[in-house]
Each structure stands twice: as structure tokens, then as C-alpha cells.
């Protein structure tokens, strides 16, 4: 996964929306969560602190960090799976 953003989202005339943030973060997996966190941070950096998309992105960044921590500590839910048979 690339950490480069779609140029249309970062164009100066483009207004970042909650839907843009949701589209980027909604299908996050633990493996890519920190990449997505970085992309979200860059996407909303130019927005004012009280912008709705920035506030939503901040909550998504926390969720992505927790998702990465779960993977790091092995609590990704895979332990509930039955063992593979050879």
C-alpha cells in the first residue's frame, strides 16, 4: 500500500469531507492501519481544528492506532480459529 494520496484529494481547491475520510479509513486492516493513519494525518493537516472532517479523522486515527496495537499484541481475533489440518 502506498502512502501517497490521490492528487485530486490534496488539490488546493478540493474540500476534504467526512466521506473522503470514511472512504480512506473504513476498510482498514490491522496490517495497513498505520499507513492509513499517516495518510489521514496528511489529508486533514491543512484543515482548521474545528472542521468536521478533521475531527472525524482524529477519531479514525485513534481507531487505526488501536487496530495496529491489537495486531502487535496478537489479539486480532485469529486465536478463535480452529487449527489448520495438514
Protein backbone atom coordinates (compact mmCIF):
# COMPACT_ATOMS: atom_id res chain seq x y z
CA UNK A 1 0.00 0.00 0.00
CA UNK A 2 1.34 3.36 -0.97
CA UNK A 3 1.27 6.27 1.41
CA UNK A 4 0.86 8.70 -1.48
CA UNK A 5 -2.53 10.34 -1.70
CA UNK A 6 -4.82 10.76 -4.65
CA UNK A 7 -3.82 14.13 -6.16
CA UNK A 8 -7.46 15.18 -6.50
CA UNK A 9 -7.88 14.99 -2.71
CA UNK A 10 -4.84 17.13 -2.00
CA UNK A 11 -5.52 19.81 -4.62
CA UNK A 12 -5.84 23.27 -3.05
CA UNK A 13 -9.35 23.78 -4.44
CA UNK A 14 -10.58 20.43 -3.07
CA UNK A 15 -12.54 20.47 0.18
CA UNK A 16 -11.96 17.36 2.29
CA UNK A 17 -15.21 15.84 3.53
CA UNK A 18 -16.17 13.27 6.14
CA UNK A 19 -16.96 10.93 3.24
CA UNK A 20 -13.37 11.31 1.99
CA UNK A 21 -12.07 10.36 5.43
CA UNK A 22 -14.51 7.46 5.69
CA UNK A 23 -13.57 6.17 2.22
CA UNK A 24 -9.91 6.09 3.21
CA UNK A 25 -10.28 4.53 6.65
CA UNK A 26 -13.39 2.34 6.60
CA UNK A 27 -11.86 -0.83 5.19
CA UNK A 28 -8.69 -0.68 7.27
CA UNK A 29 -6.97 -3.91 8.22
CA UNK A 30 -4.51 -4.15 11.10
CA UNK A 31 -1.61 -4.61 8.70
CA UNK A 32 -2.24 -1.32 6.88
CA UNK A 33 -3.71 0.71 9.73
CA UNK A 34 -0.59 2.77 10.41
CA UNK A 35 -0.19 3.60 6.70
CA UNK A 36 -3.78 4.80 6.64
CA UNK A 37 -3.24 6.78 9.84
CA UNK A 38 -0.36 8.63 8.15
CA UNK A 39 -2.42 9.31 5.03
CA UNK A 40 -5.32 10.66 7.10
CA UNK A 41 -3.00 12.89 9.10
CA UNK A 42 -1.59 14.45 5.93
CA UNK A 43 -5.01 14.76 4.33
CA UNK A 44 -6.53 16.79 7.16
CA UNK A 45 -3.41 18.72 8.25
CA UNK A 46 -4.39 21.88 6.34
CA UNK A 47 -7.91 21.91 7.80
CA UNK A 48 -8.80 24.06 10.83
CA UNK A 49 -9.09 22.24 14.17
CA UNK A 50 -12.87 22.65 14.28
CA UNK A 51 -13.50 21.30 10.74
CA UNK A 52 -15.89 18.30 10.87
CA UNK A 53 -13.69 16.18 8.57
CA UNK A 54 -10.64 16.84 10.73
CA UNK A 55 -12.49 15.93 13.94
CA UNK A 56 -13.77 12.72 12.35
CA UNK A 57 -10.28 11.92 11.04
CA UNK A 58 -8.84 12.37 14.53
CA UNK A 59 -11.25 9.77 15.90
CA UNK A 60 -10.41 7.45 13.00
CA UNK A 61 -6.68 7.92 13.66
CA UNK A 62 -7.21 6.73 17.23
CA UNK A 63 -9.17 3.72 15.96
CA UNK A 64 -6.42 2.87 13.47
CA UNK A 65 -3.75 3.09 16.16
CA UNK A 66 -5.75 0.75 18.38
CA UNK A 67 -6.18 -1.63 15.46
CA UNK A 68 -2.39 -1.68 14.96
CA UNK A 69 -1.78 -2.28 18.68
CA UNK A 70 -4.20 -5.22 18.63
CA UNK A 71 -2.21 -6.78 15.80
CA UNK A 72 1.11 -6.15 17.55
CA UNK A 73 -0.10 -7.85 20.72
CA UNK A 74 -1.65 -10.75 18.86
CA UNK A 75 -5.23 -10.03 19.82
CA UNK A 76 -6.51 -9.78 16.27
CA UNK A 77 -9.13 -12.47 16.87
CA UNK A 78 -7.30 -15.17 14.97
CA UNK A 79 -6.91 -17.31 18.07
CA UNK A 80 -10.60 -18.25 17.79
CA UNK A 81 -9.95 -20.06 14.53
CA UNK A 82 -9.55 -23.82 14.52
CA UNK A 83 -6.03 -25.08 13.70
CA UNK A 84 -5.24 -25.96 10.10
CA UNK A 85 -5.16 -29.65 9.29
CA UNK A 86 -2.26 -30.89 7.22
